[in-house]
Amino acid sequence: HGRKIIAIGQNRVADRGRRQTIHAEVDAIHSLGDFTKLRGATLVVIRIAPSGIRNSKPCAACECVLQKCVREYGMRGWIHS
C-alpha cells in the first residue's frame, strides 16, 4: 500500500482434521486482520522456485477472494508473476 508492504503470505497446510491448503494470497489477506487496510492496496503474488520466478496466476477460488476484496474492501487489484 503506497509502496509499503503491509502483509506477507505463503502457501501452507492448515491441518484441521483434513489437510487443507491455504494459498499465499489468502494467507496475506487474513494476516491483516482488518480488511479495511486493503483499501487502495495492490496485492503482488510472486512464485519463486529453485529454477527462478514462475507463473503465480491465482487459482479460481483465490481469484474469487481477490475479486471480493476489490468489490467490498476497495483493494485496487492484484498482479502476479
Protein backbone atom coordinates (compact mmCIF):
# COMPACT_ATOMS: atom_id res chain seq x y z
CA HIS A 1 0.00 0.00 0.00
CA GLY A 2 1.72 3.20 -1.15
CA ARG A 3 4.94 1.26 -1.95
CA LYS A 4 4.86 -0.20 1.55
CA ILE A 5 4.45 -3.90 2.34
CA ILE A 6 1.52 -4.30 4.72
CA ALA A 7 1.34 -8.12 4.77
CA ILE A 8 3.20 -11.20 3.58
CA GLY A 9 1.73 -14.65 2.99
CA GLN A 10 2.91 -18.03 1.85
CA ASN A 11 1.36 -21.31 0.81
CA ARG A 12 0.86 -23.59 3.79
CA VAL A 13 -1.18 -26.52 5.05
CA ALA A 14 -3.69 -25.90 7.82
CA ASP A 15 -4.20 -29.27 9.46
CA ARG A 16 -7.71 -29.16 10.90
CA GLY A 17 -8.63 -32.81 10.66
CA ARG A 18 -8.12 -32.69 6.89
CA ARG A 19 -5.11 -31.34 5.06
CA GLN A 20 -6.39 -28.03 3.71
CA THR A 21 -4.06 -25.83 1.66
CA ILE A 22 -4.06 -22.10 2.30
CA HIS A 23 -2.67 -20.20 -0.67
CA ALA A 24 -0.34 -17.23 -0.25
CA GLU A 25 -2.92 -14.68 -1.43
CA VAL A 26 -5.45 -15.68 1.21
CA ASP A 27 -2.75 -16.04 3.88
CA ALA A 28 -1.57 -12.46 3.27
CA ILE A 29 -5.10 -11.04 3.31
CA HIS A 30 -6.06 -12.89 6.50
CA SER A 31 -2.83 -11.86 8.24
CA LEU A 32 -4.02 -8.25 8.04
CA GLY A 33 -6.84 -8.99 10.47
CA ASP A 34 -8.63 -5.79 9.45
CA PHE A 35 -9.80 -5.96 5.82
CA THR A 36 -10.27 -2.19 5.67
CA LYS A 37 -6.46 -1.99 5.38
CA LEU A 38 -6.90 -3.34 1.83
CA ARG A 39 -8.40 -0.04 0.62
CA GLY A 40 -6.13 1.32 -2.13
CA ALA A 41 -3.69 -1.61 -1.86
CA THR A 42 -2.38 -3.78 -4.69
CA LEU A 43 -1.65 -7.44 -4.00
CA VAL A 44 1.56 -8.73 -5.59
CA VAL A 45 1.97 -12.50 -5.92
CA ILE A 46 5.37 -13.94 -6.85
CA ARG A 47 6.17 -17.63 -7.11
CA ILE A 48 9.83 -18.45 -6.60
CA ALA A 49 11.14 -21.91 -7.48
CA PRO A 50 14.70 -23.24 -7.46
CA SER A 51 14.76 -22.61 -11.21
CA GLY A 52 13.69 -18.96 -10.80
CA ILE A 53 10.48 -16.93 -10.87
CA ARG A 54 7.50 -18.93 -12.12
CA ASN A 55 3.87 -18.24 -13.09
CA SER A 56 1.82 -17.42 -9.98
CA LYS A 57 -1.61 -16.86 -11.50
CA PRO A 58 -4.20 -17.31 -8.74
CA CYS A 59 -6.44 -20.38 -8.81
CA ALA A 60 -10.17 -19.88 -9.40
CA ALA A 61 -11.00 -19.90 -5.67
CA CYS A 62 -8.32 -17.31 -4.84
CA GLU A 63 -9.41 -15.18 -7.78
CA CYS A 64 -12.94 -15.09 -6.29
CA VAL A 65 -11.50 -13.95 -2.95
CA LEU A 66 -9.45 -11.25 -4.69
CA GLN A 67 -12.46 -10.01 -6.66
CA LYS A 68 -14.43 -9.76 -3.42
CA CYS A 69 -11.59 -7.73 -1.86
CA VAL A 70 -11.74 -5.31 -4.80
CA ARG A 71 -15.54 -5.07 -4.69
CA GLU A 72 -16.15 -4.92 -0.96
CA TYR A 73 -12.95 -3.61 0.63
CA GLY A 74 -11.58 -1.23 -2.00
CA MET A 75 -8.44 -3.15 -2.93
CA ARG A 76 -7.04 -1.68 -6.16
CA GLY A 77 -6.25 -5.04 -7.73
CA TRP A 78 -3.52 -7.65 -7.98
CA ILE A 79 -0.59 -8.61 -10.17
CA HIS A 80 1.23 -11.92 -10.42
CA SER A 81 4.48 -13.22 -11.85
